[in-house]
Protein backbone atom coordinates (compact mmCIF):
# COMPACT_ATOMS: atom_id res chain seq x y z
CA SER A 1 91.38 105.15 84.80
CA LEU A 2 87.46 105.54 84.60
CA THR A 3 85.32 106.16 87.86
CA PHE A 4 81.63 105.51 87.97
CA LEU A 5 79.70 107.63 90.75
CA ALA A 6 76.61 105.75 91.55
CA ASP A 7 75.49 108.14 94.25
CA GLU A 8 77.27 110.77 96.75
CA LYS A 9 77.94 107.65 98.76
CA ALA A 10 79.21 104.86 96.25
CA SER A 11 81.80 104.94 93.47
CA ALA A 12 83.27 102.35 91.53
CA ASP A 13 86.89 102.63 89.38
CA ILE A 14 88.45 100.51 86.84
CA THR A 15 92.16 100.92 86.03
CA LEU A 16 94.08 99.64 82.81
CA SER A 17 97.88 100.49 82.78
CA LYS A 18 100.95 99.34 80.96
CA ASP A 19 104.31 100.29 82.03
CA LEU A 20 108.08 99.41 81.45
CA VAL A 21 109.35 99.03 85.23
CA VAL A 22 113.12 98.44 86.42
CA GLY A 23 113.11 95.61 88.78
CA PHE A 24 115.19 94.88 91.81
CA SER A 25 118.51 93.64 90.12
CA GLY A 26 118.24 95.99 87.08
CA GLU A 27 116.10 94.01 84.62
CA VAL A 28 113.29 95.63 82.69
CA ILE A 29 109.76 94.19 83.21
CA ASP A 30 106.60 94.78 81.19
CA ASN A 31 103.81 95.34 83.54
CA LEU A 32 100.04 94.89 82.40
CA THR A 33 97.30 95.74 85.13
CA VAL A 34 93.72 95.92 85.17
CA ALA A 35 92.20 96.94 88.71
CA LEU A 36 88.64 97.21 89.82
CA ALA A 37 87.58 98.86 92.96
CA GLY A 38 84.67 100.23 94.96
CA ASN A 39 84.05 102.57 97.47
CA TYR A 40 81.05 103.07 99.81
CA GLN A 41 80.50 105.66 102.48
CA PHE A 42 78.36 104.35 105.09
CA SER A 43 78.19 107.43 107.07
CA ASP A 44 80.30 110.52 107.72
CA ALA A 45 82.65 108.76 110.00
CA PHE A 46 82.58 105.06 108.21
CA ALA A 47 83.87 103.99 104.87
CA GLY A 48 84.34 100.60 103.05
CA ASN A 49 86.42 99.72 100.03
CA ALA A 50 87.14 96.46 97.97
CA THR A 51 89.68 96.06 95.21
CA VAL A 52 90.71 93.49 93.05
CA ILE A 53 93.99 93.69 90.44
CA PHE A 54 94.81 91.34 87.83
CA GLY A 55 98.41 91.72 86.54
CA ASN A 56 101.05 90.51 84.19
CA ASP A 57 104.82 90.85 84.38
CA SER A 58 106.82 89.77 81.52
CA PHE A 59 110.72 89.95 82.08
CA LYS A 60 112.79 91.45 79.20
CA ASN A 61 115.82 89.27 78.36
CA SER A 62 114.29 86.21 80.21
CA ASP A 63 111.89 83.82 79.84
CA ARG A 64 110.31 84.43 83.30
CA GLU A 65 106.57 85.57 83.18
CA ASP A 66 104.46 86.10 86.57
CA ASP A 67 100.53 86.33 86.63
CA TYR A 68 99.33 87.80 89.88
CA THR A 69 96.11 88.69 91.53
CA VAL A 70 95.51 90.98 94.37
CA PHE A 71 92.32 91.20 96.47
CA GLN A 72 91.99 93.98 99.06
CA ILE A 73 89.32 94.86 101.63
CA GLY A 74 89.38 97.68 103.94
CA ALA A 75 87.28 100.06 106.29
CA SER A 76 87.89 103.71 107.50
CA TYR A 77 86.79 105.58 110.65
CA ILE A 78 87.12 109.18 110.66
CA PRO A 79 86.13 110.33 114.41
CA VAL A 80 87.25 113.89 113.94
CA TYR A 81 88.26 115.88 110.90
CA PHE A 82 91.85 115.71 111.54
CA MET A 83 92.23 111.97 112.45
CA SER A 84 91.31 108.45 110.64
CA LEU A 85 92.18 104.99 111.48
CA GLU A 86 92.22 102.24 108.74
CA VAL A 87 92.21 98.81 108.45
CA ALA A 88 92.80 96.66 105.55
CA TYR A 89 93.35 93.18 104.46
CA MET A 90 95.24 91.92 101.25
CA LEU A 91 95.62 88.55 99.66
CA MET A 92 98.18 88.50 96.94
CA GLU A 93 98.79 85.32 94.84
CA ASN A 94 101.80 85.19 92.27
CA GLU A 95 102.01 82.55 89.70
CA SER A 96 105.31 82.30 87.68
CA ASN A 97 106.92 80.21 84.85
CA THR A 98 109.73 79.87 87.47
CA GLY A 99 108.32 77.57 89.86
CA ALA A 100 110.46 78.94 92.96
CA LEU A 101 108.90 82.35 92.33
CA GLU A 102 105.57 81.47 93.29
CA PHE A 103 103.92 82.64 96.29
CA SER A 104 100.84 83.59 98.41
CA LYS A 105 101.19 86.77 100.60
CA ASN A 106 98.44 87.81 103.15
CA THR A 107 98.91 91.48 104.80
CA LEU A 108 96.97 93.08 107.55
CA THR A 109 97.35 96.64 107.70
CA LEU A 110 96.51 98.97 110.85
CA MET A 111 97.09 102.70 110.34
CA LEU A 112 96.25 105.72 112.11
CA ASN A 113 96.84 109.13 110.58
CA VAL A 114 96.70 112.50 112.17
CA ARG A 115 96.77 115.84 110.43
CA TYR A 116 98.20 118.74 111.82
């Protein structure tokens, strides 16, 4: 992972990873991922972020291979030091050489965090 700090308010990250993962039914998956992320602090209370992820999953002991792309954009609001409100939208596109496993997923997340 590499982080670039443009100034005290803006940063960008690039992450490259290669992992072996055990899937849901015990299959071994060779996963390669490249992620690009950007964050910007608009004020002490408001921040925004965006991420794009490109990935490939190669399934061992199978000819299945998935390519996926994830786009995410979000914002956070911190009204007081012990509380934050976050909202994010994510779009995931999965392309597979096994046609039945192709999908598109939209996710909207709303989160309230309280620290004590």
